[in-house]
Amino acid sequence: MGKNKHQKQAEISATGIVLTRTRNGVIVKWDGDEPADCRVPGKGKSFGMPVPGDHIRFTPPTKTKDGWVQEILPRSSLLNRYVYGRIKEIAANMEQVLILATPDEPVVSPRLVDRMLVGCSVGNMDATILLNKADLFTDDQLDAYSEPWRQAGYKVIKVSAKTGTNIDLVEAQLTGRISLLSGPSGVGKSTLMNRLIADLDLDTSALSTNTGRGVHTTTYTRLFPFPSGGTVADSPGIREFHPVVETDELAQHFVEFRKFSPDCEFRNCLHFDDEGCAVNRAVEAGLIHPDRYESYRILHASLLEGPRRGRQNLVTP
């Protein structure tokens, strides 16, 4: 009896990891001599578009034809966000996200970092905050800027990609893990990648003289092997991050709320100014940083508005 089309495909299928996306599909690391260029049937309409970090099953390319993605294998984690009302997937199967931030040059809003931290929690990833360009600021300035995250329990590392300050701490954080570097344009992600991985030579750029914001130097998220073990992904800069989370689930992704919310008097407490709210009492007692609580309130209000831009016309002070 002859073999049908699906049986033949199964015989020639291979598995691999998506390194990056291209205009026509994805580039895949596998057992072949070279990374495989693969297209996605129907531009992802049947099973979605693979993203960097995805494990996939695919038909290997030949000398004259690209390969074809057959299946996206189950994911252990996913970082995504709303962009103009649609969900944009960024990376899959990351163990951790290192969020780069600076208090100036460019100014990175703590609200943006807080939203990214929510996205990491929703997507089942650890998060660490890297205060890059530490050579430009005093310890007091950096400590004041990062205190809300430290109080919440996040790991914060002061680092300078330019001078090499604390690069060893970043290397230790990355070694043996699958990691994504993320943050706004201009904070030095590509410069840091070049410092961490010899001969990488990613494009870097100064701030725009017109806007004072960073200039995009990375077009697509791409995975690179880390010299001391593990994998690290460089990602394009972002100016907004609108996490994909339901309004009634938001509070559980502000990690410092978890200790207090079980003591709220009312079930499904929204943690505003109501009597009986243990989270609100913790804010008043200084056990939860007021800036983080304000981020929660602003993001909660934004999520209620519904998806138009990002998740919506976000309330951003």
C-alpha atoms as a PDB file:
ATOM      1  CA  MET A   1       0.000   0.000   0.000  1.00  0.00           C
ATOM      2  CA  GLY A   2       1.370   3.441  -0.932  1.00  0.00           C
ATOM      3  CA  LYS A   3       2.166   6.036   1.686  1.00  0.00           C
ATOM      4  CA  ASN A   4       0.001   9.131   1.907  1.00  0.00           C
ATOM      5  CA  LYS A   5       1.289  12.705   1.919  1.00  0.00           C
ATOM      6  CA  HIS A   6       1.245  13.052   5.721  1.00  0.00           C
ATOM      7  CA  GLN A   7       3.206   9.829   6.237  1.00  0.00           C
ATOM      8  CA  LYS A   8       5.875  10.980   3.778  1.00  0.00           C
ATOM      9  CA  GLN A   9       6.123  14.352   5.528  1.00  0.00           C
ATOM     10  CA  ALA A  10       6.545  12.669   8.920  1.00  0.00           C
ATOM     11  CA  GLU A  11       9.432  10.616   7.584  1.00  0.00           C
ATOM     12  CA  ILE A  12      11.383  13.665   6.427  1.00  0.00           C
ATOM     13  CA  SER A  13      10.534  15.990   9.297  1.00  0.00           C
ATOM     14  CA  ALA A  14      13.175  17.328  11.666  1.00  0.00           C
ATOM     15  CA  THR A  15      13.095  19.339  14.886  1.00  0.00           C
ATOM     16  CA  GLY A  16      14.938  22.521  15.732  1.00  0.00           C
ATOM     17  CA  ILE A  17      14.874  25.859  17.554  1.00  0.00           C
ATOM     18  CA  VAL A  18      13.870  29.122  15.911  1.00  0.00           C
ATOM     19  CA  LEU A  19      16.809  31.535  16.001  1.00  0.00           C
ATOM     20  CA  THR A  20      15.037  34.516  14.470  1.00  0.00           C
ATOM     21  CA  ARG A  21      12.242  35.548  12.147  1.00  0.00           C
ATOM     22  CA  THR A  22      12.692  36.877   8.621  1.00  0.00           C
ATOM     23  CA  ARG A  23      10.367  38.576   6.160  1.00  0.00           C
ATOM     24  CA  ASN A  24       9.526  35.212   4.625  1.00  0.00           C
ATOM     25  CA  GLY A  25       9.614  32.892   7.617  1.00  0.00           C
ATOM     26  CA  VAL A  26      12.130  31.765  10.238  1.00  0.00           C
ATOM     27  CA  ILE A  27      15.741  30.600  10.558  1.00  0.00           C
ATOM     28  CA  VAL A  28      16.087  27.368  12.501  1.00  0.00           C
ATOM     29  CA  LYS A  29      18.991  25.795  14.385  1.00  0.00           C
ATOM     30  CA  TRP A  30      18.989  22.013  13.899  1.00  0.00           C
ATOM     31  CA  ASP A  31      21.285  19.062  13.273  1.00  0.00           C
ATOM     32  CA  GLY A  32      22.126  20.167   9.739  1.00  0.00           C
ATOM     33  CA  ASP A  33      25.411  21.761   8.768  1.00  0.00           C
ATOM     34  CA  GLU A  34      23.802  25.205   8.372  1.00  0.00           C
ATOM     35  CA  PRO A  35      20.771  26.895   9.937  1.00  0.00           C
ATOM     36  CA  ALA A  36      17.620  26.127   7.961  1.00  0.00           C
ATOM     37  CA  ASP A  37      15.501  28.758   6.209  1.00  0.00           C
ATOM     38  CA  CYS A  38      11.879  27.775   6.640  1.00  0.00           C
ATOM     39  CA  ARG A  39       8.590  29.218   5.502  1.00  0.00           C
ATOM     40  CA  VAL A  40       5.337  29.103   7.495  1.00  0.00           C
ATOM     41  CA  PRO A  41       2.200  27.781   5.776  1.00  0.00           C
ATOM     42  CA  GLY A  42      -0.495  30.418   5.346  1.00  0.00           C
ATOM     43  CA  LYS A  43       1.666  32.964   7.189  1.00  0.00           C
ATOM     44  CA  GLY A  44       0.772  31.276  10.445  1.00  0.00           C
ATOM     45  CA  LYS A  45      -2.997  31.157  10.008  1.00  0.00           C
ATOM     46  CA  SER A  46      -3.241  27.441  10.789  1.00  0.00           C
ATOM     47  CA  PHE A  47      -1.082  27.134  13.924  1.00  0.00           C
ATOM     48  CA  GLY A  48       0.417  30.601  14.498  1.00  0.00           C
ATOM     49  CA  MET A  49       3.774  32.156  13.680  1.00  0.00           C
ATOM     50  CA  PRO A  50       6.823  30.676  15.394  1.00  0.00           C
ATOM     51  CA  VAL A  51       8.921  33.126  17.401  1.00  0.00           C
ATOM     52  CA  PRO A  52      12.557  33.005  18.521  1.00  0.00           C
ATOM     53  CA  GLY A  53      13.014  30.261  21.082  1.00  0.00           C
ATOM     54  CA  ASP A  54      10.226  28.085  19.716  1.00  0.00           C
ATOM     55  CA  HIS A  55      10.890  24.379  19.273  1.00  0.00           C
ATOM     56  CA  ILE A  56       9.377  23.344  15.961  1.00  0.00           C
ATOM     57  CA  ARG A  57       8.955  20.378  13.665  1.00  0.00           C
ATOM     58  CA  PHE A  58       9.734  21.155  10.041  1.00  0.00           C
ATOM     59  CA  THR A  59      10.550  19.807   6.616  1.00  0.00           C
ATOM     60  CA  PRO A  60      14.256  20.475   5.991  1.00  0.00           C
ATOM     61  CA  PRO A  61      15.229  22.687   3.060  1.00  0.00           C
ATOM     62  CA  THR A  62      16.888  21.389  -0.080  1.00  0.00           C
ATOM     63  CA  LYS A  63      19.451  23.060  -2.332  1.00  0.00           C
ATOM     64  CA  THR A  64      16.661  24.708  -4.304  1.00  0.00           C
ATOM     65  CA  LYS A  65      13.783  25.066  -1.836  1.00  0.00           C
ATOM     66  CA  ASP A  66      13.229  26.433   1.673  1.00  0.00           C
ATOM     67  CA  GLY A  67      11.944  24.164   4.401  1.00  0.00           C
ATOM     68  CA  TRP A  68       8.412  24.313   5.757  1.00  0.00           C
ATOM     69  CA  VAL A  69       7.318  24.585   9.385  1.00  0.00           C
ATOM     70  CA  GLN A  70       4.932  21.752  10.268  1.00  0.00           C
ATOM     71  CA  GLU A  71       4.251  22.302  13.951  1.00  0.00           C
ATOM     72  CA  ILE A  72       5.098  24.508  16.931  1.00  0.00           C
ATOM     73  CA  LEU A  73       5.889  22.251  19.879  1.00  0.00           C
ATOM     74  CA  PRO A  74       4.485  23.047  23.362  1.00  0.00           C
ATOM     75  CA  ARG A  75       5.975  26.130  25.031  1.00  0.00           C
ATOM     76  CA  SER A  76       7.192  26.432  28.611  1.00  0.00           C
ATOM     77  CA  SER A  77       6.965  30.240  28.573  1.00  0.00           C
ATOM     78  CA  LEU A  78       5.911  33.083  26.283  1.00  0.00           C
ATOM     79  CA  LEU A  79       6.550  36.818  26.309  1.00  0.00           C
ATOM     80  CA  ASN A  80       3.926  38.789  24.412  1.00  0.00           C
ATOM     81  CA  ARG A  81       2.217  42.186  24.433  1.00  0.00           C
ATOM     82  CA  TYR A  82      -0.627  44.124  22.866  1.00  0.00           C
ATOM     83  CA  VAL A  83       0.299  46.237  19.829  1.00  0.00           C
ATOM     84  CA  TYR A  84      -2.569  48.266  18.393  1.00  0.00           C
ATOM     85  CA  GLY A  85      -5.104  45.899  19.861  1.00  0.00           C
ATOM     86  CA  ARG A  86      -3.445  42.738  18.559  1.00  0.00           C
ATOM     87  CA  ILE A  87      -1.283  40.297  20.462  1.00  0.00           C
ATOM     88  CA  LYS A  88       2.355  40.329  19.331  1.00  0.00           C
ATOM     89  CA  GLU A  89       4.439  37.359  20.464  1.00  0.00           C
ATOM     90  CA  ILE A  90       8.086  38.220  21.184  1.00  0.00           C
ATOM     91  CA  ALA A  91       9.911  35.093  22.343  1.00  0.00           C
ATOM     92  CA  ALA A  92       9.133  31.610  23.644  1.00  0.00           C
ATOM     93  CA  ASN A  93      10.731  29.161  26.072  1.00  0.00           C
ATOM     94  CA  MET A  94      12.837  31.845  27.765  1.00  0.00           C
ATOM     95  CA  GLU A  95      13.745  31.073  31.365  1.00  0.00           C
ATOM     96  CA  GLN A  96      14.395  34.685  32.263  1.00  0.00           C
ATOM     97  CA  VAL A  97      14.199  38.235  30.944  1.00  0.00           C
ATOM     98  CA  LEU A  98      16.872  40.808  31.765  1.00  0.00           C
ATOM     99  CA  ILE A  99      15.237  44.238  31.520  1.00  0.00           C
ATOM    100  CA  LEU A 100      17.639  47.092  30.807  1.00  0.00           C
ATOM    101  CA  ALA A 101      16.739  50.477  32.240  1.00  0.00           C
ATOM    102  CA  THR A 102      18.358  53.843  32.895  1.00  0.00           C
ATOM    103  CA  PRO A 103      17.173  56.859  34.921  1.00  0.00           C
ATOM    104  CA  ASP A 104      18.421  59.179  32.133  1.00  0.00           C
ATOM    105  CA  GLU A 105      19.985  59.168  28.658  1.00  0.00           C
ATOM    106  CA  PRO A 106      17.377  57.929  27.841  1.00  0.00           C
ATOM    107  CA  VAL A 107      14.875  58.260  30.671  1.00  0.00           C
ATOM    108  CA  VAL A 108      13.190  54.879  31.113  1.00  0.00           C
ATOM    109  CA  SER A 109       9.832  55.261  32.812  1.00  0.00           C
ATOM    110  CA  PRO A 110       9.398  52.999  35.841  1.00  0.00           C
ATOM    111  CA  ARG A 111       5.840  52.458  34.564  1.00  0.00           C
ATOM    112  CA  LEU A 112       7.266  50.781  31.457  1.00  0.00           C
ATOM    113  CA  VAL A 113       9.504  48.522  33.542  1.00  0.00           C
ATOM    114  CA  ASP A 114       6.583  47.619  35.805  1.00  0.00           C
ATOM    115  CA  ARG A 115       4.500  46.598  32.783  1.00  0.00           C
ATOM    116  CA  MET A 116       7.338  44.463  31.474  1.00  0.00           C
ATOM    117  CA  LEU A 117       7.622  42.800  34.874  1.00  0.00           C
ATOM    118  CA  VAL A 118       3.927  41.956  34.682  1.00  0.00           C
ATOM    119  CA  GLY A 119       4.495  40.483  31.224  1.00  0.00           C
ATOM    120  CA  CYS A 120       7.294  38.290  32.566  1.00  0.00           C
ATOM    121  CA  SER A 121       5.109  37.044  35.393  1.00  0.00           C
ATOM    122  CA  VAL A 122       2.181  36.310  33.068  1.00  0.00           C
ATOM    123  CA  GLY A 123       4.502  34.461  30.670  1.00  0.00           C
ATOM    124  CA  ASN A 124       6.142  32.315  33.380  1.00  0.00           C
ATOM    125  CA  MET A 125       9.632  33.860  33.265  1.00  0.00           C
ATOM    126  CA  ASP A 126      11.978  35.170  35.938  1.00  0.00           C
ATOM    127  CA  ALA A 127      12.950  38.828  35.664  1.00  0.00           C
ATOM    128  CA  THR A 128      16.099  40.732  36.575  1.00  0.00           C
ATOM    129  CA  ILE A 129      16.621  44.476  36.125  1.00  0.00           C
ATOM    130  CA  LEU A 130      19.922  45.721  34.734  1.00  0.00           C
ATOM    131  CA  LEU A 131      20.689  49.380  35.426  1.00  0.00           C
ATOM    132  CA  ASN A 132      22.929  50.046  32.456  1.00  0.00           C
ATOM    133  CA  LYS A 133      25.203  53.068  31.965  1.00  0.00           C
ATOM    134  CA  ALA A 134      26.020  52.943  35.673  1.00  0.00           C
ATOM    135  CA  ASP A 135      29.157  54.981  34.949  1.00  0.00           C
ATOM    136  CA  LEU A 136      26.933  58.017  34.269  1.00  0.00           C
ATOM    137  CA  PHE A 137      25.217  58.059  37.663  1.00  0.00           C
ATOM    138  CA  THR A 138      25.982  57.984  41.370  1.00  0.00           C
ATOM    139  CA  ASP A 139      25.036  54.996  43.488  1.00  0.00           C
ATOM    140  CA  ASP A 140      22.490  57.180  45.294  1.00  0.00           C
ATOM    141  CA  GLN A 141      20.802  58.060  41.998  1.00  0.00           C
ATOM    142  CA  LEU A 142      20.638  54.441  40.903  1.00  0.00           C
ATOM    143  CA  ASP A 143      19.454  53.251  44.319  1.00  0.00           C
ATOM    144  CA  ALA A 144      16.653  55.823  44.428  1.00  0.00           C
ATOM    145  CA  TYR A 145      15.540  54.899  40.909  1.00  0.00           C
ATOM    146  CA  SER A 146      15.519  51.150  41.560  1.00  0.00           C
ATOM    147  CA  GLU A 147      14.266  51.061  45.167  1.00  0.00           C
ATOM    148  CA  PRO A 148      10.647  50.130  44.249  1.00  0.00           C
ATOM    149  CA  TRP A 149      11.844  46.990  42.433  1.00  0.00           C
ATOM    150  CA  ARG A 150      14.301  46.043  45.158  1.00  0.00           C
ATOM    151  CA  GLN A 151      11.566  46.387  47.767  1.00  0.00           C
ATOM    152  CA  ALA A 152       9.296  44.209  45.625  1.00  0.00           C
ATOM    153  CA  GLY A 153      11.967  41.497  45.683  1.00  0.00           C
ATOM    154  CA  TYR A 154      13.434  41.769  42.182  1.00  0.00           C
ATOM    155  CA  LYS A 155      17.138  41.345  41.586  1.00  0.00           C
ATOM    156  CA  VAL A 156      18.772  44.585  40.394  1.00  0.00           C
ATOM    157  CA  ILE A 157      22.300  44.743  38.940  1.00  0.00           C
ATOM    158  CA  LYS A 158      24.175  47.983  38.265  1.00  0.00           C
ATOM    159  CA  VAL A 159      26.211  47.532  35.107  1.00  0.00           C
ATOM    160  CA  SER A 160      28.133  49.508  32.518  1.00  0.00           C
ATOM    161  CA  ALA A 161      28.506  47.969  29.074  1.00  0.00           C
ATOM    162  CA  LYS A 162      30.947  50.765  28.252  1.00  0.00           C
ATOM    163  CA  THR A 163      33.375  50.361  31.164  1.00  0.00           C
ATOM    164  CA  GLY A 164      32.724  46.707  32.022  1.00  0.00           C
ATOM    165  CA  THR A 165      31.478  47.416  35.558  1.00  0.00           C
ATOM    166  CA  ASN A 166      29.780  44.290  36.974  1.00  0.00           C
ATOM    167  CA  ILE A 167      29.861  42.488  33.628  1.00  0.00           C
ATOM    168  CA  ASP A 168      30.922  39.405  35.589  1.00  0.00           C
ATOM    169  CA  LEU A 169      27.633  39.541  37.529  1.00  0.00           C
ATOM    170  CA  VAL A 170      25.660  39.666  34.290  1.00  0.00           C
ATOM    171  CA  GLU A 171      27.687  36.764  32.870  1.00  0.00           C
ATOM    172  CA  ALA A 172      26.912  34.722  35.990  1.00  0.00           C
ATOM    173  CA  GLN A 173      23.205  35.551  35.622  1.00  0.00           C
ATOM    174  CA  LEU A 174      23.183  34.379  31.995  1.00  0.00           C
ATOM    175  CA  THR A 175      25.395  31.287  32.224  1.00  0.00           C
ATOM    176  CA  GLY A 176      23.536  28.046  31.658  1.00  0.00           C
ATOM    177  CA  ARG A 177      20.155  29.692  31.113  1.00  0.00           C
ATOM    178  CA  ILE A 178      17.950  30.698  28.183  1.00  0.00           C
ATOM    179  CA  SER A 179      17.622  34.466  28.470  1.00  0.00           C
ATOM    180  CA  LEU A 180      16.166  37.463  26.679  1.00  0.00           C
ATOM    181  CA  LEU A 181      17.597  40.986  26.907  1.00  0.00           C
ATOM    182  CA  SER A 182      14.856  43.571  26.561  1.00  0.00           C
ATOM    183  CA  GLY A 183      14.200  47.238  27.136  1.00  0.00           C
ATOM    184  CA  PRO A 184      13.735  50.533  25.281  1.00  0.00           C
ATOM    185  CA  SER A 185      15.952  51.650  22.418  1.00  0.00           C
ATOM    186  CA  GLY A 186      19.036  53.525  23.541  1.00  0.00           C
ATOM    187  CA  VAL A 187      19.616  51.723  26.840  1.00  0.00           C
ATOM    188  CA  GLY A 188      22.573  49.804  25.427  1.00  0.00           C
ATOM    189  CA  LYS A 189      21.326  46.273  24.743  1.00  0.00           C
ATOM    190  CA  SER A 190      23.465  45.796  21.642  1.00  0.00           C
ATOM    191  CA  THR A 191      26.506  47.366  23.333  1.00  0.00           C
ATOM    192  CA  LEU A 192      26.050  44.976  26.250  1.00  0.00           C
ATOM    193  CA  MET A 193      25.693  42.005  23.902  1.00  0.00           C
ATOM    194  CA  ASN A 194      28.938  42.997  22.169  1.00  0.00           C
ATOM    195  CA  ARG A 195      30.673  43.167  25.554  1.00  0.00           C
ATOM    196  CA  LEU A 196      29.321  39.776  26.630  1.00  0.00           C
ATOM    197  CA  ILE A 197      29.965  37.876  23.388  1.00  0.00           C
ATOM    198  CA  ALA A 198      33.306  38.478  21.681  1.00  0.00           C
ATOM    199  CA  ASP A 199      33.271  39.184  17.922  1.00  0.00           C
ATOM    200  CA  LEU A 200      29.488  39.575  17.859  1.00  0.00           C
ATOM    201  CA  ASP A 201      29.719  43.135  16.514  1.00  0.00           C
ATOM    202  CA  LEU A 202      26.040  44.111  16.652  1.00  0.00           C
ATOM    203  CA  ASP A 203      25.177  47.575  15.354  1.00  0.00           C
ATOM    204  CA  THR A 204      24.944  50.219  18.043  1.00  0.00           C
ATOM    205  CA  SER A 205      23.696  53.777  17.951  1.00  0.00           C
ATOM    206  CA  ALA A 206      23.564  56.895  20.075  1.00  0.00           C
ATOM    207  CA  LEU A 207      20.329  58.629  21.043  1.00  0.00           C
ATOM    208  CA  SER A 208      18.366  60.524  18.443  1.00  0.00           C
ATOM    209  CA  THR A 209      19.357  64.190  18.606  1.00  0.00           C
ATOM    210  CA  ASN A 210      15.786  65.157  17.727  1.00  0.00           C
ATOM    211  CA  THR A 211      13.851  63.171  20.306  1.00  0.00           C
ATOM    212  CA  GLY A 212      16.380  62.128  22.949  1.00  0.00           C
ATOM    213  CA  ARG A 213      15.060  58.584  22.516  1.00  0.00           C
ATOM    214  CA  GLY A 214      16.949  55.536  21.437  1.00  0.00           C
ATOM    215  CA  VAL A 215      17.324  54.560  17.808  1.00  0.00           C
ATOM    216  CA  HIS A 216      16.418  50.996  16.800  1.00  0.00           C
ATOM    217  CA  THR A 217      19.543  49.008  15.943  1.00  0.00           C
ATOM    218  CA  THR A 218      18.054  45.493  16.194  1.00  0.00           C
ATOM    219  CA  THR A 219      15.252  44.631  13.758  1.00  0.00           C
ATOM    220  CA  TYR A 220      14.348  41.097  14.856  1.00  0.00           C
ATOM    221  CA  THR A 221      14.826  39.199  18.093  1.00  0.00           C
ATOM    222  CA  ARG A 222      17.695  36.739  17.572  1.00  0.00           C
ATOM    223  CA  LEU A 223      19.189  33.965  19.688  1.00  0.00           C
ATOM    224  CA  PHE A 224      22.942  33.604  20.203  1.00  0.00           C
ATOM    225  CA  PRO A 225      24.910  30.886  22.038  1.00  0.00           C
ATOM    226  CA  PHE A 226      26.424  32.235  25.242  1.00  0.00           C
ATOM    227  CA  PRO A 227      30.174  31.505  25.585  1.00  0.00           C
ATOM    228  CA  SER A 228      29.987  30.046  29.094  1.00  0.00           C
ATOM    229  CA  GLY A 229      26.846  28.017  28.376  1.00  0.00           C
ATOM    230  CA  GLY A 230      23.244  28.841  27.687  1.00  0.00           C
ATOM    231  CA  THR A 231      21.534  31.045  25.137  1.00  0.00           C
ATOM    232  CA  VAL A 232      20.889  34.785  25.083  1.00  0.00           C
ATOM    233  CA  ALA A 233      18.498  36.671  22.797  1.00  0.00           C
ATOM    234  CA  ASP A 234      18.852  40.290  21.734  1.00  0.00           C
ATOM    235  CA  SER A 235      15.538  42.016  21.008  1.00  0.00           C
ATOM    236  CA  PRO A 236      14.433  45.234  19.289  1.00  0.00           C
ATOM    237  CA  GLY A 237      13.923  48.247  21.525  1.00  0.00           C
ATOM    238  CA  ILE A 238      10.420  48.969  22.766  1.00  0.00           C
ATOM    239  CA  ARG A 239       8.828  52.279  23.728  1.00  0.00           C
ATOM    240  CA  GLU A 240       5.603  50.841  25.089  1.00  0.00           C
ATOM    241  CA  PHE A 241       4.681  47.546  26.681  1.00  0.00           C
ATOM    242  CA  HIS A 242       1.074  46.578  27.234  1.00  0.00           C
ATOM    243  CA  PRO A 243       0.895  43.160  28.932  1.00  0.00           C
ATOM    244  CA  VAL A 244      -1.620  40.545  27.848  1.00  0.00           C
ATOM    245  CA  VAL A 245      -3.461  40.032  31.117  1.00  0.00           C
ATOM    246  CA  GLU A 246      -7.050  40.079  32.295  1.00  0.00           C
ATOM    247  CA  THR A 247      -8.011  42.923  34.610  1.00  0.00           C
ATOM    248  CA  ASP A 248      -9.085  40.645  37.449  1.00  0.00           C
ATOM    249  CA  GLU A 249      -5.759  38.772  37.282  1.00  0.00           C
ATOM    250  CA  LEU A 250      -3.480  41.812  37.260  1.00  0.00           C
ATOM    251  CA  ALA A 251      -2.913  42.021  41.021  1.00  0.00           C
ATOM    252  CA  GLN A 252      -1.394  38.540  41.245  1.00  0.00           C
ATOM    253  CA  HIS A 253       1.352  39.651  38.843  1.00  0.00           C
ATOM    254  CA  PHE A 254       2.463  42.445  41.177  1.00  0.00           C
ATOM    255  CA  VAL A 255       4.518  39.979  43.152  1.00  0.00           C
ATOM    256  CA  GLU A 256       4.707  41.945  46.400  1.00  0.00           C
ATOM    257  CA  PHE A 257       0.891  41.930  46.670  1.00  0.00           C
ATOM    258  CA  ARG A 258       0.824  38.160  47.078  1.00  0.00           C
ATOM    259  CA  LYS A 259       1.951  38.224  50.691  1.00  0.00           C
ATOM    260  CA  PHE A 260      -0.903  40.495  51.741  1.00  0.00           C
ATOM    261  CA  SER A 261      -3.857  39.808  49.416  1.00  0.00           C
ATOM    262  CA  PRO A 262      -4.995  36.614  51.226  1.00  0.00           C
ATOM    263  CA  ASP A 263      -5.764  38.821  54.254  1.00  0.00           C
ATOM    264  CA  CYS A 264      -8.151  41.103  52.330  1.00  0.00           C
ATOM    265  CA  GLU A 265     -11.608  41.071  53.908  1.00  0.00           C
ATOM    266  CA  PHE A 266     -13.477  40.721  50.624  1.00  0.00           C
ATOM    267  CA  ARG A 267     -13.024  38.040  48.013  1.00  0.00           C
ATOM    268  CA  ASN A 268     -11.873  39.347  44.613  1.00  0.00           C
ATOM    269  CA  CYS A 269     -10.657  42.561  46.244  1.00  0.00           C
ATOM    270  CA  LEU A 270      -9.374  45.070  43.663  1.00  0.00           C
ATOM    271  CA  HIS A 271      -6.888  46.516  46.183  1.00  0.00           C
ATOM    272  CA  PHE A 272      -7.989  50.100  45.943  1.00  0.00           C
ATOM    273  CA  ASP A 273      -8.979  52.313  48.876  1.00  0.00           C
ATOM    274  CA  ASP A 274     -11.636  50.017  50.293  1.00  0.00           C
ATOM    275  CA  GLU A 275     -11.789  49.216  53.957  1.00  0.00           C
ATOM    276  CA  GLY A 276     -10.657  45.701  54.586  1.00  0.00           C
ATOM    277  CA  CYS A 277      -8.000  45.724  51.849  1.00  0.00           C
ATOM    278  CA  ALA A 278      -4.766  44.288  53.254  1.00  0.00           C
ATOM    279  CA  VAL A 279      -2.757  45.448  50.222  1.00  0.00           C
ATOM    280  CA  ASN A 280      -3.869  49.032  50.746  1.00  0.00           C
ATOM    281  CA  ARG A 281      -2.927  48.791  54.428  1.00  0.00           C
ATOM    282  CA  ALA A 282       0.503  47.470  53.440  1.00  0.00           C
ATOM    283  CA  VAL A 283       1.023  50.493  51.170  1.00  0.00           C
ATOM    284  CA  GLU A 284       0.081  52.849  53.990  1.00  0.00           C
ATOM    285  CA  ALA A 285       2.478  51.020  56.318  1.00  0.00           C
ATOM    286  CA  GLY A 286       5.350  51.315  53.819  1.00  0.00           C
ATOM    287  CA  LEU A 287       5.502  47.558  53.194  1.00  0.00           C
ATOM    288  CA  ILE A 288       4.611  48.029  49.514  1.00  0.00           C
ATOM    289  CA  HIS A 289       6.290  50.886  47.654  1.00  0.00           C
ATOM    290  CA  PRO A 290       3.757  53.594  46.689  1.00  0.00           C
ATOM    291  CA  ASP A 291       5.236  53.926  43.190  1.00  0.00           C
ATOM    292  CA  ARG A 292       4.555  50.269  42.465  1.00  0.00           C
ATOM    293  CA  TYR A 293       1.037  50.607  43.847  1.00  0.00           C
ATOM    294  CA  GLU A 294       0.462  53.622  41.599  1.00  0.00           C
ATOM    295  CA  SER A 295       1.688  51.581  38.605  1.00  0.00           C
ATOM    296  CA  TYR A 296      -0.879  48.945  39.483  1.00  0.00           C
ATOM    297  CA  ARG A 297      -3.697  51.471  39.636  1.00  0.00           C
ATOM    298  CA  ILE A 298      -2.722  53.115  36.335  1.00  0.00           C
ATOM    299  CA  LEU A 299      -2.381  49.808  34.507  1.00  0.00           C
ATOM    300  CA  HIS A 300      -5.649  48.526  35.953  1.00  0.00           C
ATOM    301  CA  ALA A 301      -7.456  51.634  34.680  1.00  0.00           C
ATOM    302  CA  SER A 302      -5.852  51.213  31.263  1.00  0.00           C
ATOM    303  CA  LEU A 303      -6.920  47.584  30.958  1.00  0.00           C
ATOM    304  CA  LEU A 304     -10.518  48.561  31.659  1.00  0.00           C
ATOM    305  CA  GLU A 305     -10.509  50.816  28.594  1.00  0.00           C
ATOM    306  CA  GLY A 306     -10.166  47.905  26.152  1.00  0.00           C
ATOM    307  CA  PRO A 307      -7.898  47.305  23.156  1.00  0.00           C
ATOM    308  CA  ARG A 308      -7.399  50.146  20.715  1.00  0.00           C
ATOM    309  CA  ARG A 309      -3.775  51.113  20.911  1.00  0.00           C
ATOM    310  CA  GLY A 310      -1.454  48.712  22.668  1.00  0.00           C
ATOM    311  CA  ARG A 311      -4.146  47.254  24.853  1.00  0.00           C
ATOM    312  CA  GLN A 312      -5.770  50.692  24.455  1.00  0.00           C
ATOM    313  CA  ASN A 313      -5.196  54.445  24.759  1.00  0.00           C
ATOM    314  CA  LEU A 314      -3.158  53.837  27.866  1.00  0.00           C
ATOM    315  CA  VAL A 315      -3.166  56.189  30.794  1.00  0.00           C
ATOM    316  CA  THR A 316       0.527  57.067  31.004  1.00  0.00           C
ATOM    317  CA  PRO A 317       1.649  59.969  33.211  1.00  0.00           C
END
